[in-house]
Amino acid sequence: EAAGEPEPLIVPHVSESSLPSLEDQLNTVGLGRFQLFVALGTGLFVMGDGMEMAAVSMLSKALLVEWGVTWKELALLGSIIFAGYIAGNIWGGYCSDRFGRRWALFAFGLVFLFGGFCSVVSYSFTVFAISRFVTGVGIGAAAGSASSLMAECSPTMHRGKLTMMVTGLGTAAGMALVAAAGIVCHNHLGGPEWWRIT
């Protein structure tokens, strides 16, 4: 070698198997503010699931009065909503894997909001049923994506607790919230269309 020339830098080869995985890194860092932030965010989406469950049972009498629907139509409405849930679970899983949990969560959250808005302004049972299907697709996909995101962002020792907390508490909080809103709207607004505000 000529005098004054630096020696070539030799970088040791590092195999991918020797690098820490995301799970290793989460376990090393442990539970922190990030996981609690994710739990709060995903919990809000799961609350929509609970709200939907409670809303279906609350609306039966109002729909009987306003549109004169039959009990068979009400039963069909419940089936339509859960058909949307199933479609949302299937489609949401694909989109979560294809585009990422966060983007799927927000996209299907918008679908949920759109379906809810269309439900509020519905002028017939048919339009309402279609709107509820769209709502079911949105919340079915968003709830599944939320649970997956929470599990993937949690350390192993806390994964089950955080995921079940988001699912259980989020659903219960959503049911309680929509029930409280329904009571307030029914008692203070009155009229046959109180359910549209709820």
C-alpha atoms as a PDB file:
ATOM      1  CA  GLU A   1       0.000   0.000   0.000  1.00  0.00           C
ATOM      2  CA  ALA A   2       1.194   3.526  -0.657  1.00  0.00           C
ATOM      3  CA  ALA A   3       2.235   5.529   2.342  1.00  0.00           C
ATOM      4  CA  GLY A   4      -0.487   7.761   3.747  1.00  0.00           C
ATOM      5  CA  GLU A   5      -3.414   5.845   2.251  1.00  0.00           C
ATOM      6  CA  PRO A   6      -6.055   4.824   4.800  1.00  0.00           C
ATOM      7  CA  GLU A   7      -6.633   1.146   5.363  1.00  0.00           C
ATOM      8  CA  PRO A   8      -9.870  -0.164   3.876  1.00  0.00           C
ATOM      9  CA  LEU A   9     -12.760  -0.256   6.342  1.00  0.00           C
ATOM     10  CA  ILE A  10     -13.959  -3.775   6.950  1.00  0.00           C
ATOM     11  CA  VAL A  11     -17.624  -3.956   8.056  1.00  0.00           C
ATOM     12  CA  PRO A  12     -18.537  -7.282   9.639  1.00  0.00           C
ATOM     13  CA  HIS A  13     -21.507  -9.022   8.049  1.00  0.00           C
ATOM     14  CA  VAL A  14     -24.574  -9.003  10.304  1.00  0.00           C
ATOM     15  CA  SER A  15     -27.222 -11.562   9.521  1.00  0.00           C
ATOM     16  CA  GLU A  16     -30.862 -10.637   9.796  1.00  0.00           C
ATOM     17  CA  SER A  17     -31.382 -13.377  12.359  1.00  0.00           C
ATOM     18  CA  SER A  18     -29.025 -11.617  14.785  1.00  0.00           C
ATOM     19  CA  LEU A  19     -30.944  -8.307  14.662  1.00  0.00           C
ATOM     20  CA  PRO A  20     -33.599  -7.710  17.336  1.00  0.00           C
ATOM     21  CA  SER A  21     -37.166  -8.077  16.137  1.00  0.00           C
ATOM     22  CA  LEU A  22     -39.902  -5.524  16.793  1.00  0.00           C
ATOM     23  CA  GLU A  23     -41.238  -7.801  19.516  1.00  0.00           C
ATOM     24  CA  ASP A  24     -37.791  -7.928  21.148  1.00  0.00           C
ATOM     25  CA  GLN A  25     -37.633  -4.149  21.105  1.00  0.00           C
ATOM     26  CA  LEU A  26     -41.152  -3.780  22.553  1.00  0.00           C
ATOM     27  CA  ASN A  27     -40.299  -6.221  25.328  1.00  0.00           C
ATOM     28  CA  THR A  28     -37.064  -4.346  26.092  1.00  0.00           C
ATOM     29  CA  VAL A  29     -38.742  -0.940  26.261  1.00  0.00           C
ATOM     30  CA  GLY A  30     -41.807  -2.268  28.105  1.00  0.00           C
ATOM     31  CA  LEU A  31     -45.142  -0.629  28.750  1.00  0.00           C
ATOM     32  CA  GLY A  32     -45.175   3.137  28.316  1.00  0.00           C
ATOM     33  CA  ARG A  33     -47.106   6.175  27.172  1.00  0.00           C
ATOM     34  CA  PHE A  34     -47.098   4.984  23.577  1.00  0.00           C
ATOM     35  CA  GLN A  35     -49.105   1.848  24.394  1.00  0.00           C
ATOM     36  CA  LEU A  36     -51.548   3.860  26.502  1.00  0.00           C
ATOM     37  CA  PHE A  37     -51.980   6.314  23.633  1.00  0.00           C
ATOM     38  CA  VAL A  38     -52.664   3.444  21.223  1.00  0.00           C
ATOM     39  CA  ALA A  39     -55.098   1.910  23.744  1.00  0.00           C
ATOM     40  CA  LEU A  40     -57.012   5.184  23.980  1.00  0.00           C
ATOM     41  CA  GLY A  41     -57.118   5.670  20.213  1.00  0.00           C
ATOM     42  CA  THR A  42     -58.144   2.133  19.359  1.00  0.00           C
ATOM     43  CA  GLY A  43     -60.590   2.110  22.263  1.00  0.00           C
ATOM     44  CA  LEU A  44     -62.489   4.992  20.677  1.00  0.00           C
ATOM     45  CA  PHE A  45     -63.003   2.932  17.534  1.00  0.00           C
ATOM     46  CA  VAL A  46     -64.116  -0.093  19.537  1.00  0.00           C
ATOM     47  CA  MET A  47     -66.604   2.139  21.371  1.00  0.00           C
ATOM     48  CA  GLY A  48     -68.405   2.451  18.046  1.00  0.00           C
ATOM     49  CA  ASP A  49     -68.966  -1.295  18.144  1.00  0.00           C
ATOM     50  CA  GLY A  50     -70.623  -1.053  21.554  1.00  0.00           C
ATOM     51  CA  MET A  51     -72.678   1.932  20.479  1.00  0.00           C
ATOM     52  CA  GLU A  52     -73.937   0.020  17.475  1.00  0.00           C
ATOM     53  CA  MET A  53     -74.991  -2.954  19.615  1.00  0.00           C
ATOM     54  CA  ALA A  54     -77.002  -0.777  21.992  1.00  0.00           C
ATOM     55  CA  ALA A  55     -78.491   1.428  19.262  1.00  0.00           C
ATOM     56  CA  VAL A  56     -80.071  -1.522  17.475  1.00  0.00           C
ATOM     57  CA  SER A  57     -82.143  -2.484  20.505  1.00  0.00           C
ATOM     58  CA  MET A  58     -83.020   1.130  21.388  1.00  0.00           C
ATOM     59  CA  LEU A  59     -84.406   1.998  17.974  1.00  0.00           C
ATOM     60  CA  SER A  60     -86.995  -0.752  17.614  1.00  0.00           C
ATOM     61  CA  LYS A  61     -89.938   1.104  19.162  1.00  0.00           C
ATOM     62  CA  ALA A  62     -89.059   4.385  17.422  1.00  0.00           C
ATOM     63  CA  LEU A  63     -88.978   2.687  14.033  1.00  0.00           C
ATOM     64  CA  LEU A  64     -92.282   0.948  14.725  1.00  0.00           C
ATOM     65  CA  VAL A  65     -93.858   4.342  15.429  1.00  0.00           C
ATOM     66  CA  GLU A  66     -92.245   6.431  12.685  1.00  0.00           C
ATOM     67  CA  TRP A  67     -92.269   4.055   9.725  1.00  0.00           C
ATOM     68  CA  GLY A  68     -94.716   1.392  10.871  1.00  0.00           C
ATOM     69  CA  VAL A  69     -92.199  -1.396  10.300  1.00  0.00           C
ATOM     70  CA  THR A  70     -93.094  -4.935  11.292  1.00  0.00           C
ATOM     71  CA  TRP A  71     -91.234  -7.088  13.793  1.00  0.00           C
ATOM     72  CA  LYS A  72     -89.999  -9.213  10.900  1.00  0.00           C
ATOM     73  CA  GLU A  73     -88.464  -6.118   9.317  1.00  0.00           C
ATOM     74  CA  LEU A  74     -86.808  -5.232  12.618  1.00  0.00           C
ATOM     75  CA  ALA A  75     -85.348  -8.728  12.803  1.00  0.00           C
ATOM     76  CA  LEU A  76     -84.150  -8.351   9.212  1.00  0.00           C
ATOM     77  CA  LEU A  77     -82.537  -5.039  10.167  1.00  0.00           C
ATOM     78  CA  GLY A  78     -80.525  -6.748  12.897  1.00  0.00           C
ATOM     79  CA  SER A  79     -79.413  -9.396  10.403  1.00  0.00           C
ATOM     80  CA  ILE A  80     -78.424  -6.739   7.860  1.00  0.00           C
ATOM     81  CA  ILE A  81     -76.245  -4.947  10.410  1.00  0.00           C
ATOM     82  CA  PHE A  82     -74.445  -8.151  11.367  1.00  0.00           C
ATOM     83  CA  ALA A  83     -74.032  -9.071   7.709  1.00  0.00           C
ATOM     84  CA  GLY A  84     -72.201  -5.742   7.414  1.00  0.00           C
ATOM     85  CA  TYR A  85     -70.068  -6.716  10.421  1.00  0.00           C
ATOM     86  CA  ILE A  86     -69.074  -9.958   8.732  1.00  0.00           C
ATOM     87  CA  ALA A  87     -68.265  -8.219   5.449  1.00  0.00           C
ATOM     88  CA  GLY A  88     -66.291  -5.584   7.370  1.00  0.00           C
ATOM     89  CA  ASN A  89     -64.315  -8.202   9.290  1.00  0.00           C
ATOM     90  CA  ILE A  90     -63.330  -9.984   6.090  1.00  0.00           C
ATOM     91  CA  TRP A  91     -62.592  -6.891   4.019  1.00  0.00           C
ATOM     92  CA  GLY A  92     -60.987  -5.076   6.950  1.00  0.00           C
ATOM     93  CA  GLY A  93     -58.569  -7.930   7.551  1.00  0.00           C
ATOM     94  CA  TYR A  94     -57.451  -7.860   3.939  1.00  0.00           C
ATOM     95  CA  CYS A  95     -57.061  -4.073   3.882  1.00  0.00           C
ATOM     96  CA  SER A  96     -55.183  -4.088   7.205  1.00  0.00           C
ATOM     97  CA  ASP A  97     -52.672  -6.573   5.832  1.00  0.00           C
ATOM     98  CA  ARG A  98     -52.408  -4.812   2.495  1.00  0.00           C
ATOM     99  CA  PHE A  99     -52.264  -1.149   3.549  1.00  0.00           C
ATOM    100  CA  GLY A 100     -51.434  -1.266   7.255  1.00  0.00           C
ATOM    101  CA  ARG A 101     -53.529  -1.276  10.416  1.00  0.00           C
ATOM    102  CA  ARG A 102     -53.518   2.481  10.957  1.00  0.00           C
ATOM    103  CA  TRP A 103     -54.713   3.403   7.469  1.00  0.00           C
ATOM    104  CA  ALA A 104     -57.369   0.687   7.478  1.00  0.00           C
ATOM    105  CA  LEU A 105     -58.553   1.863  10.886  1.00  0.00           C
ATOM    106  CA  PHE A 106     -59.004   5.450   9.768  1.00  0.00           C
ATOM    107  CA  ALA A 107     -60.512   4.543   6.382  1.00  0.00           C
ATOM    108  CA  PHE A 108     -63.119   2.242   7.889  1.00  0.00           C
ATOM    109  CA  GLY A 109     -63.745   4.759  10.654  1.00  0.00           C
ATOM    110  CA  LEU A 110     -64.815   7.145   7.889  1.00  0.00           C
ATOM    111  CA  VAL A 111     -67.049   4.427   6.404  1.00  0.00           C
ATOM    112  CA  PHE A 112     -68.625   4.021   9.840  1.00  0.00           C
ATOM    113  CA  LEU A 113     -69.244   7.781  10.140  1.00  0.00           C
ATOM    114  CA  PHE A 114     -70.697   7.943   6.631  1.00  0.00           C
ATOM    115  CA  GLY A 115     -73.073   5.056   7.360  1.00  0.00           C
ATOM    116  CA  GLY A 116     -74.119   6.683  10.634  1.00  0.00           C
ATOM    117  CA  PHE A 117     -74.802  10.014   8.916  1.00  0.00           C
ATOM    118  CA  CYS A 118     -76.858   8.321   6.211  1.00  0.00           C
ATOM    119  CA  SER A 119     -78.830   6.510   8.926  1.00  0.00           C
ATOM    120  CA  VAL A 120     -79.703   9.807  10.608  1.00  0.00           C
ATOM    121  CA  VAL A 121     -81.058  11.379   7.426  1.00  0.00           C
ATOM    122  CA  SER A 122     -82.815   8.235   6.170  1.00  0.00           C
ATOM    123  CA  TYR A 123     -86.370   8.810   4.948  1.00  0.00           C
ATOM    124  CA  SER A 124     -87.454   5.169   4.560  1.00  0.00           C
ATOM    125  CA  PHE A 125     -86.793   1.776   6.056  1.00  0.00           C
ATOM    126  CA  THR A 126     -84.982   0.616   2.902  1.00  0.00           C
ATOM    127  CA  VAL A 127     -82.523   3.522   2.948  1.00  0.00           C
ATOM    128  CA  PHE A 128     -82.079   3.042   6.690  1.00  0.00           C
ATOM    129  CA  ALA A 129     -81.329  -0.669   6.250  1.00  0.00           C
ATOM    130  CA  ILE A 130     -78.722   0.045   3.553  1.00  0.00           C
ATOM    131  CA  SER A 131     -77.168   2.716   5.768  1.00  0.00           C
ATOM    132  CA  ARG A 132     -76.967   0.286   8.672  1.00  0.00           C
ATOM    133  CA  PHE A 133     -75.237  -2.268   6.458  1.00  0.00           C
ATOM    134  CA  VAL A 134     -72.619   0.348   5.534  1.00  0.00           C
ATOM    135  CA  THR A 135     -72.267   1.230   9.217  1.00  0.00           C
ATOM    136  CA  GLY A 136     -71.791  -2.449  10.037  1.00  0.00           C
ATOM    137  CA  VAL A 137     -69.057  -2.772   7.396  1.00  0.00           C
ATOM    138  CA  GLY A 138     -67.236   0.227   8.844  1.00  0.00           C
ATOM    139  CA  ILE A 139     -67.381  -0.800  12.469  1.00  0.00           C
ATOM    140  CA  GLY A 140     -66.747  -4.482  11.761  1.00  0.00           C
ATOM    141  CA  ALA A 141     -63.527  -3.614   9.941  1.00  0.00           C
ATOM    142  CA  ALA A 142     -62.447  -0.858  12.327  1.00  0.00           C
ATOM    143  CA  ALA A 143     -62.939  -2.955  15.473  1.00  0.00           C
ATOM    144  CA  GLY A 144     -60.854  -5.815  14.061  1.00  0.00           C
ATOM    145  CA  SER A 145     -58.095  -3.471  12.917  1.00  0.00           C
ATOM    146  CA  ALA A 146     -58.088  -1.753  16.317  1.00  0.00           C
ATOM    147  CA  SER A 147     -57.599  -5.023  18.186  1.00  0.00           C
ATOM    148  CA  SER A 148     -54.802  -6.095  15.832  1.00  0.00           C
ATOM    149  CA  LEU A 149     -53.040  -2.740  16.145  1.00  0.00           C
ATOM    150  CA  MET A 150     -53.230  -2.847  19.937  1.00  0.00           C
ATOM    151  CA  ALA A 151     -51.821  -6.378  20.042  1.00  0.00           C
ATOM    152  CA  GLU A 152     -48.965  -5.554  17.667  1.00  0.00           C
ATOM    153  CA  CYS A 153     -47.902  -2.478  19.655  1.00  0.00           C
ATOM    154  CA  SER A 154     -47.896  -4.182  23.066  1.00  0.00           C
ATOM    155  CA  PRO A 155     -45.087  -5.959  24.941  1.00  0.00           C
ATOM    156  CA  THR A 156     -45.659  -9.694  25.328  1.00  0.00           C
ATOM    157  CA  MET A 157     -46.343  -9.483  29.078  1.00  0.00           C
ATOM    158  CA  HIS A 158     -49.099  -6.892  28.609  1.00  0.00           C
ATOM    159  CA  ARG A 159     -50.513  -7.865  25.203  1.00  0.00           C
ATOM    160  CA  GLY A 160     -53.517  -9.850  26.404  1.00  0.00           C
ATOM    161  CA  LYS A 161     -54.442  -7.350  29.119  1.00  0.00           C
ATOM    162  CA  LEU A 162     -54.284  -4.327  26.825  1.00  0.00           C
ATOM    163  CA  THR A 163     -56.117  -5.975  23.943  1.00  0.00           C
ATOM    164  CA  MET A 164     -58.922  -7.271  26.176  1.00  0.00           C
ATOM    165  CA  MET A 165     -59.103  -3.933  27.990  1.00  0.00           C
ATOM    166  CA  VAL A 166     -59.577  -2.116  24.685  1.00  0.00           C
ATOM    167  CA  THR A 167     -62.158  -4.632  23.487  1.00  0.00           C
ATOM    168  CA  GLY A 168     -64.079  -5.059  26.754  1.00  0.00           C
ATOM    169  CA  LEU A 169     -63.987  -1.545  28.166  1.00  0.00           C
ATOM    170  CA  GLY A 170     -64.403   0.080  24.764  1.00  0.00           C
ATOM    171  CA  THR A 171     -67.520  -1.947  23.979  1.00  0.00           C
ATOM    172  CA  ALA A 172     -69.007  -1.389  27.446  1.00  0.00           C
ATOM    173  CA  ALA A 173     -68.262   2.344  27.339  1.00  0.00           C
ATOM    174  CA  GLY A 174     -69.876   2.638  23.905  1.00  0.00           C
ATOM    175  CA  MET A 175     -73.033   0.873  25.096  1.00  0.00           C
ATOM    176  CA  ALA A 176     -73.250   3.036  28.200  1.00  0.00           C
ATOM    177  CA  LEU A 177     -72.674   6.234  26.207  1.00  0.00           C
ATOM    178  CA  VAL A 178     -75.355   5.564  23.606  1.00  0.00           C
ATOM    179  CA  ALA A 179     -77.811   4.451  26.301  1.00  0.00           C
ATOM    180  CA  ALA A 180     -77.229   7.673  28.250  1.00  0.00           C
ATOM    181  CA  ALA A 181     -77.558   9.753  25.070  1.00  0.00           C
ATOM    182  CA  GLY A 182     -80.780   7.934  24.185  1.00  0.00           C
ATOM    183  CA  ILE A 183     -82.300   8.596  27.616  1.00  0.00           C
ATOM    184  CA  VAL A 184     -81.384  12.281  27.498  1.00  0.00           C
ATOM    185  CA  CYS A 185     -82.651  12.771  23.934  1.00  0.00           C
ATOM    186  CA  HIS A 186     -85.876  10.837  24.556  1.00  0.00           C
ATOM    187  CA  ASN A 187     -86.706  12.669  27.793  1.00  0.00           C
ATOM    188  CA  HIS A 188     -85.692  16.186  26.800  1.00  0.00           C
ATOM    189  CA  LEU A 189     -86.313  16.373  23.060  1.00  0.00           C
ATOM    190  CA  GLY A 190     -89.389  14.179  22.802  1.00  0.00           C
ATOM    191  CA  GLY A 191     -91.146  13.737  19.509  1.00  0.00           C
ATOM    192  CA  PRO A 192     -91.019  10.697  17.241  1.00  0.00           C
ATOM    193  CA  GLU A 193     -87.622  11.567  15.750  1.00  0.00           C
ATOM    194  CA  TRP A 194     -85.589  11.754  18.989  1.00  0.00           C
ATOM    195  CA  TRP A 195     -83.578   8.746  17.817  1.00  0.00           C
ATOM    196  CA  ARG A 196     -82.021  10.728  14.963  1.00  0.00           C
ATOM    197  CA  ILE A 197     -80.149  12.940  17.445  1.00  0.00           C
ATOM    198  CA  THR A 198     -78.965   9.953  19.482  1.00  0.00           C
END
